[in-house]
Amino acid sequence: MKDIGKRLRNLRNRLGISQLELSNRSGISQASIARIETNQQKNLKARTLQQLADSLGITVSALIEEPVMIKEERPPYPAPKMLPVITLDKFREVKKVSDLEEKAGSFEPSLSSDDGAFFLMATPGLLSRPIINEGDLLLIEPGSSVKEGDIVLFLSHEYAGIGQLFRHSRIYILQPLNHESSPRVLKREEIKRPGVRILRVSEIRRKL
């Protein structure tokens, strides 16, 4: 019955009643209640405990037992968030991240941690059969750094394509995924032109 005085005081205060009112309800003197709450009176009789519990509308066990602390369990993985799904034409119109949701035709769940992530729907011009087919969803993460050999979306005013990006000396090579189309060779100066964007493709989600 450790800390029973503290629990009695907390329960009484939670109900908004004074020691005097609890005394009137239970038939136990106010002086005794004060001594119990300050742990000056211990080894309480079963009848006294029952009177106090009845007056507070609780069980005796709730009065004398330590409350069980339930630890909040966090899921082993983050909850998925809904990302916008847009077409390439709509993406070209986007000026800032907040525009993505306005341009979205639908939303898909993802565990991406990139705040600017979105799904790009594969349409003619971005296809690379059998790896990327029409209607597939490409997870684009603009905030992720692009490394050698990553699959990327290369976007400029004149061209848009998906492929693996490789670097050789002062040139970049965009290798189509189907390896049937010719690779696109890009000079370093072309990469740095205004309007050129190279965005990492983190996932290819098949159309169901």
N, C-alpha and C. Protein backbone atom coordinates (compact mmCIF):
# COMPACT_ATOMS: atom_id res chain seq x y z
N MET A 1 0.83 -1.20 0.00
CA MET A 1 0.00 0.00 0.00
C MET A 1 0.86 1.26 0.00
N LYS A 2 1.97 1.17 -0.69
CA LYS A 2 2.88 2.30 -0.78
C LYS A 2 2.22 3.45 -1.53
N ASP A 3 2.41 4.67 -0.99
CA ASP A 3 1.89 5.89 -1.62
C ASP A 3 0.37 5.93 -1.68
N ILE A 4 -0.30 5.22 -0.78
CA ILE A 4 -1.76 5.25 -0.80
C ILE A 4 -2.28 6.66 -0.49
N GLY A 5 -1.53 7.38 0.36
CA GLY A 5 -1.94 8.75 0.69
C GLY A 5 -1.92 9.65 -0.53
N LYS A 6 -0.87 9.52 -1.34
CA LYS A 6 -0.76 10.33 -2.55
C LYS A 6 -1.87 9.98 -3.54
N ARG A 7 -2.16 8.68 -3.68
CA ARG A 7 -3.22 8.27 -4.60
C ARG A 7 -4.58 8.76 -4.12
N LEU A 8 -4.80 8.70 -2.80
CA LEU A 8 -6.07 9.18 -2.25
C LEU A 8 -6.24 10.67 -2.53
N ARG A 9 -5.18 11.44 -2.32
CA ARG A 9 -5.25 12.88 -2.56
C ARG A 9 -5.49 13.19 -4.04
N ASN A 10 -4.79 12.46 -4.93
CA ASN A 10 -4.96 12.70 -6.36
C ASN A 10 -6.37 12.35 -6.83
N LEU A 11 -6.90 11.23 -6.32
CA LEU A 11 -8.26 10.82 -6.70
C LEU A 11 -9.28 11.82 -6.20
N ARG A 12 -9.08 12.29 -4.98
CA ARG A 12 -10.02 13.26 -4.41
C ARG A 12 -9.99 14.57 -5.20
N ASN A 13 -8.79 15.03 -5.52
CA ASN A 13 -8.66 16.28 -6.28
C ASN A 13 -9.23 16.14 -7.68
N ARG A 14 -9.06 14.95 -8.27
CA ARG A 14 -9.59 14.71 -9.61
C ARG A 14 -11.11 14.81 -9.62
N LEU A 15 -11.73 14.39 -8.52
CA LEU A 15 -13.19 14.48 -8.40
C LEU A 15 -13.65 15.86 -7.96
N GLY A 16 -12.70 16.69 -7.54
CA GLY A 16 -13.03 18.05 -7.13
C GLY A 16 -13.75 18.13 -5.79
N ILE A 17 -13.41 17.24 -4.87
CA ILE A 17 -14.06 17.27 -3.55
C ILE A 17 -13.01 17.55 -2.47
N SER A 18 -13.45 18.18 -1.41
CA SER A 18 -12.55 18.53 -0.31
C SER A 18 -12.42 17.37 0.67
N GLN A 19 -11.47 17.51 1.59
CA GLN A 19 -11.33 16.50 2.64
C GLN A 19 -12.59 16.43 3.49
N LEU A 20 -13.20 17.59 3.71
CA LEU A 20 -14.42 17.63 4.53
C LEU A 20 -15.55 16.88 3.84
N GLU A 21 -15.70 17.08 2.53
CA GLU A 21 -16.77 16.39 1.81
C GLU A 21 -16.52 14.89 1.78
N LEU A 22 -15.25 14.49 1.60
CA LEU A 22 -14.93 13.07 1.63
C LEU A 22 -15.21 12.49 3.01
N SER A 23 -14.97 13.29 4.03
CA SER A 23 -15.26 12.85 5.40
C SER A 23 -16.75 12.60 5.57
N ASN A 24 -17.56 13.52 5.05
CA ASN A 24 -19.02 13.38 5.17
C ASN A 24 -19.52 12.16 4.39
N ARG A 25 -18.89 11.89 3.24
CA ARG A 25 -19.31 10.75 2.42
C ARG A 25 -18.93 9.42 3.05
N SER A 26 -17.73 9.38 3.62
CA SER A 26 -17.19 8.10 4.09
C SER A 26 -17.44 7.81 5.56
N GLY A 27 -17.72 8.87 6.34
CA GLY A 27 -17.88 8.66 7.78
C GLY A 27 -16.55 8.61 8.51
N ILE A 28 -15.47 8.92 7.81
CA ILE A 28 -14.14 8.96 8.42
C ILE A 28 -13.81 10.42 8.71
N SER A 29 -13.25 10.69 9.87
CA SER A 29 -13.00 12.07 10.26
C SER A 29 -12.05 12.76 9.29
N GLN A 30 -12.22 14.08 9.16
CA GLN A 30 -11.36 14.86 8.28
C GLN A 30 -9.91 14.78 8.74
N ALA A 31 -9.70 14.76 10.05
CA ALA A 31 -8.35 14.67 10.59
C ALA A 31 -7.68 13.36 10.17
N SER A 32 -8.45 12.28 10.17
CA SER A 32 -7.90 10.98 9.77
C SER A 32 -7.54 10.99 8.28
N ILE A 33 -8.42 11.60 7.47
CA ILE A 33 -8.15 11.68 6.03
C ILE A 33 -6.89 12.48 5.78
N ALA A 34 -6.71 13.58 6.52
CA ALA A 34 -5.50 14.40 6.38
C ALA A 34 -4.26 13.61 6.74
N ARG A 35 -4.34 12.80 7.80
CA ARG A 35 -3.18 11.99 8.21
C ARG A 35 -2.88 10.90 7.17
N ILE A 36 -3.95 10.33 6.58
CA ILE A 36 -3.75 9.29 5.56
C ILE A 36 -3.06 9.89 4.33
N GLU A 37 -3.51 11.07 3.91
CA GLU A 37 -2.96 11.69 2.70
C GLU A 37 -1.52 12.13 2.88
N THR A 38 -1.10 12.38 4.11
CA THR A 38 0.29 12.77 4.37
C THR A 38 1.11 11.58 4.87
N ASN A 39 0.53 10.38 4.74
CA ASN A 39 1.22 9.13 5.12
C ASN A 39 1.60 9.09 6.60
N GLN A 40 0.85 9.82 7.43
CA GLN A 40 1.09 9.76 8.87
C GLN A 40 0.31 8.62 9.51
N GLN A 41 -0.73 8.18 8.82
CA GLN A 41 -1.54 7.07 9.33
C GLN A 41 -1.42 5.91 8.35
N LYS A 42 -0.81 4.84 8.80
CA LYS A 42 -0.58 3.68 7.95
C LYS A 42 -1.30 2.46 8.52
N ASN A 43 -1.10 1.31 7.88
CA ASN A 43 -1.74 0.07 8.31
C ASN A 43 -3.25 0.26 8.46
N LEU A 44 -3.87 0.76 7.39
CA LEU A 44 -5.30 1.04 7.43
C LEU A 44 -6.11 -0.25 7.47
N LYS A 45 -7.21 -0.19 8.18
CA LYS A 45 -8.09 -1.35 8.28
C LYS A 45 -8.84 -1.54 6.96
N ALA A 46 -9.24 -2.77 6.71
CA ALA A 46 -9.96 -3.09 5.48
C ALA A 46 -11.25 -2.29 5.39
N ARG A 47 -11.91 -2.09 6.54
CA ARG A 47 -13.18 -1.35 6.55
C ARG A 47 -12.94 0.11 6.14
N THR A 48 -11.84 0.70 6.62
CA THR A 48 -11.52 2.09 6.28
C THR A 48 -11.26 2.22 4.78
N LEU A 49 -10.50 1.29 4.23
CA LEU A 49 -10.21 1.30 2.79
C LEU A 49 -11.48 1.18 1.97
N GLN A 50 -12.39 0.30 2.41
CA GLN A 50 -13.64 0.10 1.68
C GLN A 50 -14.50 1.35 1.73
N GLN A 51 -14.53 2.03 2.88
CA GLN A 51 -15.31 3.26 3.02
C GLN A 51 -14.77 4.35 2.08
N LEU A 52 -13.45 4.48 2.03
CA LEU A 52 -12.85 5.50 1.17
C LEU A 52 -13.10 5.17 -0.31
N ALA A 53 -12.92 3.91 -0.67
CA ALA A 53 -13.13 3.50 -2.06
C ALA A 53 -14.57 3.73 -2.49
N ASP A 54 -15.53 3.34 -1.63
CA ASP A 54 -16.94 3.53 -1.96
C ASP A 54 -17.26 5.00 -2.13
N SER A 55 -16.67 5.84 -1.31
CA SER A 55 -16.93 7.28 -1.37
C SER A 55 -16.38 7.91 -2.64
N LEU A 56 -15.31 7.30 -3.17
CA LEU A 56 -14.69 7.82 -4.40
C LEU A 56 -15.23 7.14 -5.65
N GLY A 57 -16.06 6.11 -5.46
CA GLY A 57 -16.64 5.41 -6.60
C GLY A 57 -15.65 4.51 -7.31
N ILE A 58 -14.70 3.95 -6.55
CA ILE A 58 -13.69 3.07 -7.15
C ILE A 58 -13.61 1.79 -6.33
N THR A 59 -12.81 0.85 -6.80
CA THR A 59 -12.59 -0.38 -6.05
C THR A 59 -11.44 -0.18 -5.06
N VAL A 60 -11.37 -1.05 -4.08
CA VAL A 60 -10.28 -0.97 -3.11
C VAL A 60 -8.93 -1.19 -3.81
N SER A 61 -8.91 -2.12 -4.76
CA SER A 61 -7.65 -2.39 -5.46
C SER A 61 -7.15 -1.16 -6.22
N ALA A 62 -8.07 -0.37 -6.77
CA ALA A 62 -7.66 0.85 -7.48
C ALA A 62 -7.07 1.88 -6.52
N LEU A 63 -7.47 1.79 -5.26
CA LEU A 63 -6.97 2.72 -4.26
C LEU A 63 -5.60 2.31 -3.72
N ILE A 64 -5.36 1.02 -3.60
CA ILE A 64 -4.14 0.57 -2.93
C ILE A 64 -3.05 0.08 -3.87
N GLU A 65 -3.40 -0.22 -5.14
CA GLU A 65 -2.40 -0.78 -6.04
C GLU A 65 -1.78 0.30 -6.91
N GLU A 66 -0.52 0.08 -7.27
CA GLU A 66 0.18 0.98 -8.17
C GLU A 66 -0.48 0.92 -9.54
N PRO A 67 -0.75 2.07 -10.18
CA PRO A 67 -1.32 2.04 -11.52
C PRO A 67 -0.34 1.44 -12.52
N VAL A 68 -0.87 0.68 -13.45
CA VAL A 68 -0.03 0.06 -14.47
C VAL A 68 0.22 1.07 -15.59
N MET A 69 1.48 1.35 -15.83
CA MET A 69 1.84 2.29 -16.89
C MET A 69 1.99 1.52 -18.20
N ILE A 70 1.18 1.88 -19.16
CA ILE A 70 1.23 1.21 -20.46
C ILE A 70 2.14 2.02 -21.37
N LYS A 71 3.22 1.41 -21.78
CA LYS A 71 4.17 2.09 -22.66
C LYS A 71 3.64 2.09 -24.09
N GLU A 72 3.62 3.26 -24.66
CA GLU A 72 3.14 3.38 -26.03
C GLU A 72 4.14 2.73 -26.97
N GLU A 73 3.66 1.78 -27.74
CA GLU A 73 4.53 1.09 -28.68
C GLU A 73 4.49 1.77 -30.03
N ARG A 74 5.65 2.05 -30.55
CA ARG A 74 5.73 2.65 -31.87
C ARG A 74 5.87 1.56 -32.92
N PRO A 75 5.27 1.75 -34.06
CA PRO A 75 5.40 0.73 -35.10
C PRO A 75 6.85 0.62 -35.54
N PRO A 76 7.28 -0.57 -35.96
CA PRO A 76 8.68 -0.75 -36.36
C PRO A 76 9.03 -0.02 -37.65
N TYR A 77 8.06 0.54 -38.31
CA TYR A 77 8.29 1.28 -39.54
C TYR A 77 7.35 2.48 -39.58
N PRO A 78 7.73 3.54 -40.30
CA PRO A 78 6.87 4.72 -40.35
C PRO A 78 5.57 4.45 -41.09
N ALA A 79 4.54 5.18 -40.72
CA ALA A 79 3.26 5.03 -41.40
C ALA A 79 3.38 5.59 -42.82
N PRO A 80 2.77 4.95 -43.80
CA PRO A 80 2.85 5.46 -45.17
C PRO A 80 2.11 6.78 -45.31
N LYS A 81 2.57 7.59 -46.23
CA LYS A 81 1.88 8.84 -46.54
C LYS A 81 1.39 8.78 -47.98
N MET A 82 0.38 9.56 -48.27
CA MET A 82 -0.20 9.55 -49.60
C MET A 82 0.51 10.57 -50.49
N LEU A 83 1.07 10.09 -51.59
CA LEU A 83 1.80 10.96 -52.51
C LEU A 83 0.98 11.22 -53.77
N PRO A 84 1.10 12.42 -54.33
CA PRO A 84 0.35 12.73 -55.55
C PRO A 84 0.87 11.95 -56.75
N VAL A 85 -0.04 11.60 -57.64
CA VAL A 85 0.29 10.94 -58.90
C VAL A 85 -0.01 11.92 -60.03
N ILE A 86 1.02 12.26 -60.81
CA ILE A 86 0.81 13.22 -61.90
C ILE A 86 1.47 12.72 -63.18
N THR A 87 1.08 13.30 -64.28
CA THR A 87 1.69 12.96 -65.57
C THR A 87 2.84 13.93 -65.84
N LEU A 88 3.64 13.61 -66.84
CA LEU A 88 4.79 14.45 -67.17
C LEU A 88 4.34 15.85 -67.59
N ASP A 89 3.27 15.93 -68.38
CA ASP A 89 2.78 17.24 -68.82
C ASP A 89 2.40 18.11 -67.62
N LYS A 90 1.74 17.50 -66.64
CA LYS A 90 1.35 18.25 -65.45
C LYS A 90 2.57 18.65 -64.63
N PHE A 91 3.57 17.75 -64.58
CA PHE A 91 4.77 18.05 -63.79
C PHE A 91 5.53 19.23 -64.38
N ARG A 92 5.52 19.35 -65.68
CA ARG A 92 6.21 20.48 -66.32
C ARG A 92 5.58 21.82 -65.92
N GLU A 93 4.32 21.78 -65.49
CA GLU A 93 3.64 23.01 -65.10
C GLU A 93 3.89 23.38 -63.64
N VAL A 94 4.47 22.43 -62.88
CA VAL A 94 4.67 22.65 -61.44
C VAL A 94 5.79 23.66 -61.21
N LYS A 95 5.50 24.66 -60.39
CA LYS A 95 6.49 25.68 -60.05
C LYS A 95 7.09 25.45 -58.66
N LYS A 96 6.30 24.87 -57.77
CA LYS A 96 6.77 24.60 -56.41
C LYS A 96 6.12 23.33 -55.90
N VAL A 97 6.69 22.78 -54.82
CA VAL A 97 6.25 21.49 -54.29
C VAL A 97 4.76 21.49 -53.96
N SER A 98 4.26 22.60 -53.43
CA SER A 98 2.85 22.66 -53.03
C SER A 98 1.90 22.53 -54.22
N ASP A 99 2.42 22.75 -55.44
CA ASP A 99 1.57 22.62 -56.64
C ASP A 99 1.30 21.16 -57.00
N LEU A 100 2.12 20.24 -56.48
CA LEU A 100 1.99 18.84 -56.86
C LEU A 100 0.60 18.29 -56.56
N GLU A 101 0.09 18.57 -55.37
CA GLU A 101 -1.21 18.03 -54.99
C GLU A 101 -2.32 18.61 -55.85
N GLU A 102 -2.19 19.88 -56.25
CA GLU A 102 -3.21 20.50 -57.08
C GLU A 102 -3.25 19.87 -58.47
N LYS A 103 -2.09 19.43 -58.95
CA LYS A 103 -2.00 18.84 -60.29
C LYS A 103 -2.30 17.34 -60.29
N ALA A 104 -2.38 16.75 -59.10
CA ALA A 104 -2.50 15.29 -58.99
C ALA A 104 -3.84 14.79 -59.51
N GLY A 105 -3.78 13.64 -60.19
CA GLY A 105 -5.01 12.99 -60.62
C GLY A 105 -5.49 11.99 -59.59
N SER A 106 -4.56 11.52 -58.75
CA SER A 106 -4.88 10.57 -57.69
C SER A 106 -3.72 10.57 -56.70
N PHE A 107 -3.81 9.70 -55.68
CA PHE A 107 -2.77 9.61 -54.67
C PHE A 107 -2.47 8.14 -54.39
N GLU A 108 -1.20 7.86 -54.07
CA GLU A 108 -0.77 6.50 -53.78
C GLU A 108 0.07 6.49 -52.50
N PRO A 109 -0.04 5.43 -51.68
CA PRO A 109 0.75 5.37 -50.44
C PRO A 109 2.22 5.09 -50.72
N SER A 110 3.07 5.64 -49.86
CA SER A 110 4.52 5.42 -50.00
C SER A 110 5.19 5.65 -48.65
N LEU A 111 6.34 5.00 -48.46
CA LEU A 111 7.14 5.19 -47.25
C LEU A 111 8.29 6.16 -47.48
N SER A 112 8.28 6.86 -48.60
CA SER A 112 9.37 7.79 -48.91
C SER A 112 9.48 8.87 -47.84
N SER A 113 10.71 9.21 -47.47
CA SER A 113 10.95 10.26 -46.48
C SER A 113 11.22 11.61 -47.15
N ASP A 114 11.22 11.63 -48.47
CA ASP A 114 11.46 12.87 -49.22
C ASP A 114 10.18 13.71 -49.21
N ASP A 115 10.28 14.92 -48.66
CA ASP A 115 9.09 15.78 -48.56
C ASP A 115 8.53 16.18 -49.92
N GLY A 116 9.37 16.17 -50.95
CA GLY A 116 8.90 16.56 -52.28
C GLY A 116 8.59 15.39 -53.19
N ALA A 117 8.55 14.18 -52.64
CA ALA A 117 8.37 12.98 -53.46
C ALA A 117 6.98 12.94 -54.10
N PHE A 118 6.91 12.31 -55.26
CA PHE A 118 5.63 12.14 -55.96
C PHE A 118 5.76 10.96 -56.91
N PHE A 119 4.63 10.50 -57.41
CA PHE A 119 4.62 9.43 -58.41
C PHE A 119 4.37 10.05 -59.78
N LEU A 120 5.22 9.66 -60.73
CA LEU A 120 5.05 10.08 -62.12
C LEU A 120 4.47 8.91 -62.89
N MET A 121 3.33 9.13 -63.53
CA MET A 121 2.71 8.06 -64.31
C MET A 121 3.42 7.92 -65.65
N ALA A 122 3.83 6.70 -65.97
CA ALA A 122 4.53 6.46 -67.23
C ALA A 122 3.57 6.59 -68.40
N THR A 123 3.89 7.48 -69.32
CA THR A 123 3.10 7.71 -70.52
C THR A 123 4.02 7.57 -71.73
N PRO A 124 3.47 7.46 -72.94
CA PRO A 124 4.33 7.35 -74.13
C PRO A 124 5.42 8.42 -74.13
N GLY A 125 6.63 7.99 -74.41
CA GLY A 125 7.78 8.89 -74.33
C GLY A 125 8.66 8.56 -73.14
N LEU A 126 8.05 7.96 -72.12
CA LEU A 126 8.81 7.55 -70.93
C LEU A 126 8.89 6.03 -70.81
N LEU A 127 8.30 5.32 -71.75
CA LEU A 127 8.23 3.87 -71.65
C LEU A 127 9.56 3.22 -72.01
N SER A 128 9.83 2.10 -71.36
CA SER A 128 11.04 1.34 -71.64
C SER A 128 10.71 -0.13 -71.42
N ARG A 129 9.87 -0.66 -72.33
CA ARG A 129 9.38 -2.04 -72.17
C ARG A 129 10.53 -3.04 -72.24
N PRO A 130 10.47 -4.11 -71.43
CA PRO A 130 9.37 -4.50 -70.53
C PRO A 130 9.51 -3.95 -69.11
N ILE A 131 10.50 -3.08 -68.87
CA ILE A 131 10.76 -2.60 -67.51
C ILE A 131 9.75 -1.54 -67.10
N ILE A 132 9.50 -0.58 -67.98
CA ILE A 132 8.52 0.47 -67.69
C ILE A 132 7.45 0.42 -68.77
N ASN A 133 6.22 0.16 -68.34
CA ASN A 133 5.10 0.08 -69.26
C ASN A 133 4.11 1.20 -68.99
N GLU A 134 3.25 1.44 -69.94
CA GLU A 134 2.29 2.53 -69.80
C GLU A 134 1.42 2.31 -68.56
N GLY A 135 1.29 3.35 -67.76
CA GLY A 135 0.48 3.27 -66.55
C GLY A 135 1.27 2.93 -65.30
N ASP A 136 2.52 2.47 -65.46
CA ASP A 136 3.36 2.21 -64.28
C ASP A 136 3.61 3.53 -63.54
N LEU A 137 3.88 3.41 -62.24
CA LEU A 137 4.14 4.59 -61.43
C LEU A 137 5.61 4.65 -61.04
N LEU A 138 6.23 5.78 -61.29
CA LEU A 138 7.64 5.97 -60.98
C LEU A 138 7.75 6.89 -59.76
N LEU A 139 8.35 6.40 -58.69
CA LEU A 139 8.52 7.22 -57.49
C LEU A 139 9.71 8.15 -57.71
N ILE A 140 9.42 9.44 -57.78
CA ILE A 140 10.45 10.46 -57.99
C ILE A 140 10.75 11.14 -56.65
N GLU A 141 12.04 11.19 -56.30
CA GLU A 141 12.46 11.83 -55.05
C GLU A 141 13.42 12.97 -55.37
N PRO A 142 12.89 14.17 -55.55
CA PRO A 142 13.73 15.31 -55.94
C PRO A 142 14.81 15.66 -54.91
N GLY A 143 14.55 15.33 -53.63
CA GLY A 143 15.51 15.68 -52.59
C GLY A 143 16.64 14.68 -52.42
N SER A 144 16.59 13.56 -53.14
CA SER A 144 17.62 12.53 -53.01
C SER A 144 18.77 12.81 -53.96
N SER A 145 19.98 12.58 -53.49
CA SER A 145 21.15 12.78 -54.34
C SER A 145 21.24 11.65 -55.37
N VAL A 146 21.73 11.99 -56.55
CA VAL A 146 21.86 11.03 -57.64
C VAL A 146 23.28 10.49 -57.66
N LYS A 147 23.39 9.16 -57.67
CA LYS A 147 24.71 8.52 -57.70
C LYS A 147 24.91 7.78 -59.02
N GLU A 148 26.14 7.42 -59.27
CA GLU A 148 26.51 6.68 -60.47
C GLU A 148 25.68 5.41 -60.60
N GLY A 149 25.04 5.23 -61.75
CA GLY A 149 24.26 4.03 -62.01
C GLY A 149 22.82 4.11 -61.56
N ASP A 150 22.41 5.21 -60.92
CA ASP A 150 21.02 5.36 -60.49
C ASP A 150 20.10 5.49 -61.70
N ILE A 151 18.86 5.03 -61.53
CA ILE A 151 17.83 5.27 -62.54
C ILE A 151 17.30 6.68 -62.30
N VAL A 152 17.24 7.47 -63.36
CA VAL A 152 16.85 8.88 -63.21
C VAL A 152 15.83 9.27 -64.28
N LEU A 153 15.13 10.34 -63.96
CA LEU A 153 14.32 11.04 -64.95
C LEU A 153 15.14 12.24 -65.41
N PHE A 154 15.49 12.25 -66.70
CA PHE A 154 16.21 13.39 -67.26
C PHE A 154 15.19 14.27 -67.96
N LEU A 155 15.20 15.53 -67.59
CA LEU A 155 14.17 16.44 -68.09
C LEU A 155 14.81 17.75 -68.54
N SER A 156 14.52 18.13 -69.78
CA SER A 156 14.93 19.44 -70.29
C SER A 156 13.78 19.99 -71.11
N HIS A 157 13.96 21.17 -71.67
CA HIS A 157 12.89 21.76 -72.48
C HIS A 157 12.62 20.93 -73.74
N GLU A 158 13.66 20.26 -74.25
CA GLU A 158 13.52 19.54 -75.51
C GLU A 158 13.34 18.04 -75.34
N TYR A 159 13.66 17.51 -74.16
CA TYR A 159 13.72 16.05 -74.04
C TYR A 159 13.31 15.61 -72.64
N ALA A 160 12.70 14.41 -72.59
CA ALA A 160 12.39 13.77 -71.31
C ALA A 160 12.62 12.28 -71.48
N GLY A 161 13.35 11.66 -70.56
CA GLY A 161 13.62 10.24 -70.69
C GLY A 161 14.02 9.62 -69.37
N ILE A 162 13.88 8.29 -69.31
CA ILE A 162 14.26 7.52 -68.13
C ILE A 162 15.44 6.63 -68.49
N GLY A 163 16.43 6.56 -67.62
CA GLY A 163 17.57 5.68 -67.88
C GLY A 163 18.54 5.68 -66.72
N GLN A 164 19.59 4.89 -66.86
CA GLN A 164 20.65 4.88 -65.86
C GLN A 164 21.67 5.94 -66.23
N LEU A 165 22.12 6.67 -65.22
CA LEU A 165 23.04 7.77 -65.46
C LEU A 165 24.47 7.34 -65.12
N PHE A 166 25.37 7.53 -66.07
CA PHE A 166 26.79 7.23 -65.86
C PHE A 166 27.61 8.45 -66.24
N ARG A 167 28.75 8.57 -65.62
CA ARG A 167 29.63 9.70 -65.90
C ARG A 167 30.97 9.19 -66.40
N HIS A 168 31.45 9.82 -67.45
CA HIS A 168 32.76 9.46 -68.00
C HIS A 168 33.48 10.74 -68.38
N SER A 169 34.54 11.04 -67.64
CA SER A 169 35.31 12.26 -67.87
C SER A 169 34.38 13.48 -67.78
N ARG A 170 34.24 14.23 -68.88
CA ARG A 170 33.42 15.44 -68.86
C ARG A 170 32.06 15.24 -69.52
N ILE A 171 31.68 13.99 -69.71
CA ILE A 171 30.38 13.73 -70.32
C ILE A 171 29.54 12.83 -69.41
N TYR A 172 28.23 12.90 -69.61
CA TYR A 172 27.29 12.03 -68.90
C TYR A 172 26.60 11.16 -69.94
N ILE A 173 26.31 9.93 -69.55
CA ILE A 173 25.65 9.00 -70.46
C ILE A 173 24.35 8.55 -69.82
N LEU A 174 23.25 8.75 -70.53
CA LEU A 174 21.94 8.28 -70.07
C LEU A 174 21.62 7.01 -70.85
N GLN A 175 21.72 5.87 -70.17
CA GLN A 175 21.51 4.57 -70.82
C GLN A 175 20.07 4.12 -70.64
N PRO A 176 19.29 4.01 -71.73
CA PRO A 176 17.91 3.52 -71.62
C PRO A 176 17.86 2.15 -70.95
N LEU A 177 16.79 1.89 -70.23
CA LEU A 177 16.69 0.66 -69.45
C LEU A 177 16.56 -0.59 -70.30
N ASN A 178 15.98 -0.45 -71.50
CA ASN A 178 15.80 -1.65 -72.32
C ASN A 178 17.07 -2.01 -73.10
N HIS A 179 18.07 -1.14 -73.08
CA HIS A 179 19.36 -1.36 -73.73
C HIS A 179 19.24 -1.59 -75.24
N GLU A 180 18.07 -1.32 -75.79
CA GLU A 180 17.90 -1.44 -77.24
C GLU A 180 18.04 -0.08 -77.90
N SER A 181 17.57 0.95 -77.19
CA SER A 181 17.72 2.30 -77.71
C SER A 181 19.15 2.78 -77.50
N SER A 182 19.56 3.71 -78.30
CA SER A 182 20.92 4.24 -78.20
C SER A 182 21.05 5.12 -76.96
N PRO A 183 22.19 5.06 -76.28
CA PRO A 183 22.39 5.92 -75.11
C PRO A 183 22.45 7.39 -75.54
N ARG A 184 22.08 8.24 -74.64
CA ARG A 184 22.11 9.68 -74.91
C ARG A 184 23.35 10.25 -74.23
N VAL A 185 24.20 10.88 -75.00
CA VAL A 185 25.44 11.45 -74.48
C VAL A 185 25.22 12.93 -74.21
N LEU A 186 25.55 13.34 -73.01
CA LEU A 186 25.30 14.72 -72.58
C LEU A 186 26.60 15.35 -72.09
N LYS A 187 26.91 16.50 -72.62
CA LYS A 187 28.08 17.21 -72.15
C LYS A 187 27.78 17.88 -70.81
N ARG A 188 28.83 18.14 -70.08
CA ARG A 188 28.66 18.76 -68.77
C ARG A 188 27.93 20.10 -68.88
N GLU A 189 28.19 20.83 -69.96
CA GLU A 189 27.55 22.13 -70.15
C GLU A 189 26.04 21.97 -70.33
N GLU A 190 25.63 20.87 -70.98
CA GLU A 190 24.21 20.62 -71.19
C GLU A 190 23.49 20.34 -69.87
N ILE A 191 24.19 19.62 -68.99
CA ILE A 191 23.60 19.28 -67.69
C ILE A 191 23.29 20.54 -66.88
N LYS A 192 24.14 21.55 -67.04
CA LYS A 192 24.02 22.76 -66.22
C LYS A 192 23.14 23.83 -66.85
N ARG A 193 22.55 23.54 -68.00
CA ARG A 193 21.70 24.54 -68.64
C ARG A 193 20.43 24.79 -67.82
N PRO A 194 19.88 26.01 -67.88
CA PRO A 194 18.62 26.28 -67.17
C PRO A 194 17.51 25.37 -67.68
N GLY A 195 16.71 24.87 -66.77
CA GLY A 195 15.59 24.01 -67.14
C GLY A 195 15.91 22.54 -67.15
N VAL A 196 17.20 22.18 -67.04
CA VAL A 196 17.58 20.76 -67.02
C VAL A 196 17.46 20.23 -65.60
N ARG A 197 16.77 19.10 -65.46
CA ARG A 197 16.60 18.48 -64.15
C ARG A 197 16.91 16.99 -64.25
N ILE A 198 17.63 16.49 -63.27
CA ILE A 198 17.93 15.06 -63.18
C ILE A 198 17.42 14.59 -61.83
N LEU A 199 16.36 13.78 -61.84
CA LEU A 199 15.68 13.38 -60.62
C LEU A 199 15.76 11.87 -60.44
N ARG A 200 16.05 11.46 -59.24
CA ARG A 200 16.21 10.03 -58.94
C ARG A 200 14.87 9.30 -58.96
N VAL A 201 14.84 8.16 -59.64
CA VAL A 201 13.67 7.28 -59.63
C VAL A 201 13.95 6.17 -58.61
N SER A 202 13.23 6.19 -57.50
CA SER A 202 13.51 5.26 -56.40
C SER A 202 12.71 3.97 -56.48
N GLU A 203 11.64 3.98 -57.24
CA GLU A 203 10.78 2.79 -57.31
C GLU A 203 10.00 2.79 -58.61
N ILE A 204 9.83 1.61 -59.18
CA ILE A 204 8.95 1.44 -60.34
C ILE A 204 7.81 0.54 -59.88
N ARG A 205 6.63 1.11 -59.78
CA ARG A 205 5.47 0.37 -59.28
C ARG A 205 4.61 -0.06 -60.46
N ARG A 206 4.44 -1.35 -60.59
CA ARG A 206 3.70 -1.88 -61.73
C ARG A 206 2.22 -1.50 -61.69
N LYS A 207 1.68 -1.25 -62.86
CA LYS A 207 0.25 -1.00 -62.97
C LYS A 207 -0.49 -2.31 -62.71
N LEU A 208 -1.49 -2.25 -61.84
CA LEU A 208 -2.25 -3.46 -61.51
C LEU A 208 -3.34 -3.72 -62.55
